[in-house]
C-alpha atoms as a PDB file:
ATOM      1  CA  MET A   1     128.516  50.656 144.903  1.00  0.00           C
ATOM      2  CA  TYR A   2     130.442  47.413 144.457  1.00  0.00           C
ATOM      3  CA  PHE A   3     132.468  48.011 147.601  1.00  0.00           C
ATOM      4  CA  ALA A   4     129.385  49.067 149.563  1.00  0.00           C
ATOM      5  CA  GLU A   5     127.128  46.147 148.592  1.00  0.00           C
ATOM      6  CA  HIS A   6     129.285  43.187 147.527  1.00  0.00           C
ATOM      7  CA  SER A   7     129.927  41.922 151.060  1.00  0.00           C
ATOM      8  CA  ALA A   8     126.222  42.195 152.004  1.00  0.00           C
ATOM      9  CA  GLN A   9     124.803  40.708 148.752  1.00  0.00           C
ATOM     10  CA  PRO A  10     127.496  38.799 146.872  1.00  0.00           C
ATOM     11  CA  ASP A  11     124.915  36.965 144.748  1.00  0.00           C
ATOM     12  CA  HIS A  12     123.237  40.175 143.449  1.00  0.00           C
ATOM     13  CA  PHE A  13     126.210  42.543 143.371  1.00  0.00           C
ATOM     14  CA  SER A  14     128.675  39.924 142.190  1.00  0.00           C
ATOM     15  CA  ASP A  15     130.881  41.924 139.839  1.00  0.00           C
ATOM     16  CA  ILE A  16     131.342  45.300 138.191  1.00  0.00           C
ATOM     17  CA  PRO A  17     129.300  44.475 135.031  1.00  0.00           C
ATOM     18  CA  ALA A  18     126.356  43.447 137.238  1.00  0.00           C
ATOM     19  CA  LEU A  19     126.592  46.792 139.025  1.00  0.00           C
ATOM     20  CA  MET A  20     126.835  48.619 135.717  1.00  0.00           C
ATOM     21  CA  TRP A  21     123.548  46.976 134.717  1.00  0.00           C
ATOM     22  CA  TRP A  22     121.998  47.968 138.059  1.00  0.00           C
ATOM     23  CA  GLY A  23     123.250  51.541 137.512  1.00  0.00           C
ATOM     24  CA  ILE A  24     121.653  51.710 134.069  1.00  0.00           C
ATOM     25  CA  ILE A  25     118.365  50.451 135.492  1.00  0.00           C
ATOM     26  CA  ALA A  26     118.533  53.000 138.336  1.00  0.00           C
ATOM     27  CA  LEU A  27     119.443  55.915 136.040  1.00  0.00           C
ATOM     28  CA  THR A  28     116.672  55.163 133.568  1.00  0.00           C
ATOM     29  CA  SER A  29     114.160  54.848 136.419  1.00  0.00           C
ATOM     30  CA  VAL A  30     112.986  51.412 135.301  1.00  0.00           C
ATOM     31  CA  GLY A  31     113.846  49.900 138.688  1.00  0.00           C
ATOM     32  CA  TYR A  32     112.874  46.254 138.295  1.00  0.00           C
ATOM     33  CA  GLY A  33     112.993  45.821 142.073  1.00  0.00           C
ATOM     34  CA  ASP A  34     114.792  42.497 141.974  1.00  0.00           C
ATOM     35  CA  VAL A  35     118.055  44.039 143.221  1.00  0.00           C
ATOM     36  CA  SER A  36     118.249  46.875 145.696  1.00  0.00           C
ATOM     37  CA  PRO A  37     120.872  48.051 148.152  1.00  0.00           C
ATOM     38  CA  VAL A  38     120.593  46.917 151.786  1.00  0.00           C
ATOM     39  CA  THR A  39     123.525  48.702 153.436  1.00  0.00           C
ATOM     40  CA  VAL A  40     123.291  52.326 154.578  1.00  0.00           C
ATOM     41  CA  ILE A  41     126.059  53.448 152.221  1.00  0.00           C
ATOM     42  CA  GLY A  42     124.492  51.473 149.369  1.00  0.00           C
ATOM     43  CA  LYS A  43     121.095  53.069 149.988  1.00  0.00           C
ATOM     44  CA  ILE A  44     122.627  56.558 150.022  1.00  0.00           C
ATOM     45  CA  LEU A  45     124.512  55.863 146.782  1.00  0.00           C
ATOM     46  CA  GLY A  46     121.397  54.307 145.245  1.00  0.00           C
ATOM     47  CA  GLY A  47     119.310  57.334 146.179  1.00  0.00           C
ATOM     48  CA  MET A  48     121.885  59.668 144.663  1.00  0.00           C
ATOM     49  CA  ILE A  49     121.988  57.610 141.463  1.00  0.00           C
ATOM     50  CA  ALA A  50     118.183  57.587 141.186  1.00  0.00           C
ATOM     51  CA  PHE A  51     118.059  61.354 141.801  1.00  0.00           C
ATOM     52  CA  LEU A  52     120.741  61.863 139.153  1.00  0.00           C
ATOM     53  CA  GLY A  53     118.720  59.785 136.677  1.00  0.00           C
ATOM     54  CA  ARG A  54     115.649  61.940 137.214  1.00  0.00           C
ATOM     55  CA  SER A  55     117.660  65.149 137.026  1.00  0.00           C
ATOM     56  CA  LEU A  56     119.223  64.174 133.710  1.00  0.00           C
ATOM     57  CA  VAL A  57     115.748  63.950 132.181  1.00  0.00           C
ATOM     58  CA  VAL A  58     113.636  66.492 134.063  1.00  0.00           C
ATOM     59  CA  LEU A  59     115.890  69.548 133.919  1.00  0.00           C
ATOM     60  CA  PRO A  60     116.582  69.497 130.162  1.00  0.00           C
ATOM     61  CA  THR A  61     112.927  68.691 129.457  1.00  0.00           C
ATOM     62  CA  GLY A  62     111.782  71.799 131.334  1.00  0.00           C
ATOM     63  CA  ILE A  63     114.331  73.989 129.573  1.00  0.00           C
ATOM     64  CA  ILE A  64     113.423  72.660 126.123  1.00  0.00           C
ATOM     65  CA  ALA A  65     109.667  72.940 126.774  1.00  0.00           C
ATOM     66  CA  SER A  66     110.057  76.516 128.005  1.00  0.00           C
ATOM     67  CA  GLY A  67     112.078  77.487 124.923  1.00  0.00           C
ATOM     68  CA  PHE A  68     109.552  75.812 122.656  1.00  0.00           C
ATOM     69  CA  ALA A  69     106.672  77.684 124.302  1.00  0.00           C
ATOM     70  CA  GLU A  70     108.510  81.001 123.882  1.00  0.00           C
ATOM     71  CA  GLU A  71     109.129  80.361 120.184  1.00  0.00           C
ATOM     72  CA  VAL A  72     105.500  79.418 119.572  1.00  0.00           C
ATOM     73  CA  GLU A  73     104.353  82.576 121.360  1.00  0.00           C
ATOM     74  CA  LYS A  74     106.730  84.708 119.261  1.00  0.00           C
ATOM     75  CA  LYS A  75     105.464  83.121 116.073  1.00  0.00           C
ATOM     76  CA  LEU A  76     101.820  83.673 117.034  1.00  0.00           C
ATOM     77  CA  SER A  77     102.405  87.296 118.011  1.00  0.00           C
ATOM     78  CA  LYS A  78     104.113  88.048 114.661  1.00  0.00           C
ATOM     79  CA  GLN A  79     101.386  86.504 112.570  1.00  0.00           C
ATOM     80  CA  GLN A  80      97.936  87.969 112.264  1.00  0.00           C
ATOM     81  CA  ARG A  81      95.648  85.386 113.736  1.00  0.00           C
ATOM     82  CA  ILE A  82      92.775  84.709 111.322  1.00  0.00           C
ATOM     83  CA  CYS A  83      89.876  82.335 111.755  1.00  0.00           C
ATOM     84  CA  HIS A  84      90.080  79.602 109.134  1.00  0.00           C
ATOM     85  CA  HIS A  85      86.296  79.213 109.052  1.00  0.00           C
ATOM     86  CA  CYS A  86      85.080  82.799 108.607  1.00  0.00           C
ATOM     87  CA  GLY A  87      88.253  84.711 107.681  1.00  0.00           C
ATOM     88  CA  GLU A  88      87.894  87.319 110.452  1.00  0.00           C
ATOM     89  CA  GLY A  89      90.778  88.415 112.649  1.00  0.00           C
ATOM     90  CA  LEU A  90      91.091  86.870 116.116  1.00  0.00           C
ATOM     91  CA  ASP A  91      92.325  88.727 119.170  1.00  0.00           C
END
């Protein structure tokens, strides 16, 4: 990203630590909006970084939620479901 954007925006993409900060902001999807790529290559790289940030959160979240739902369903099917108010079985 440094090589793609430094010549177009030397004040925003001034050095590698500044780009590391921009990368962290892009990956965590905070996106302050104060710095954004303007070159075609920078926009493509920025889009890929933003997509990667979403993927790192969304994919594992779906897998974990699906596994959690399966475990809850297993637990409920093993236990006899009883109403806590009247004591009768629920089906």
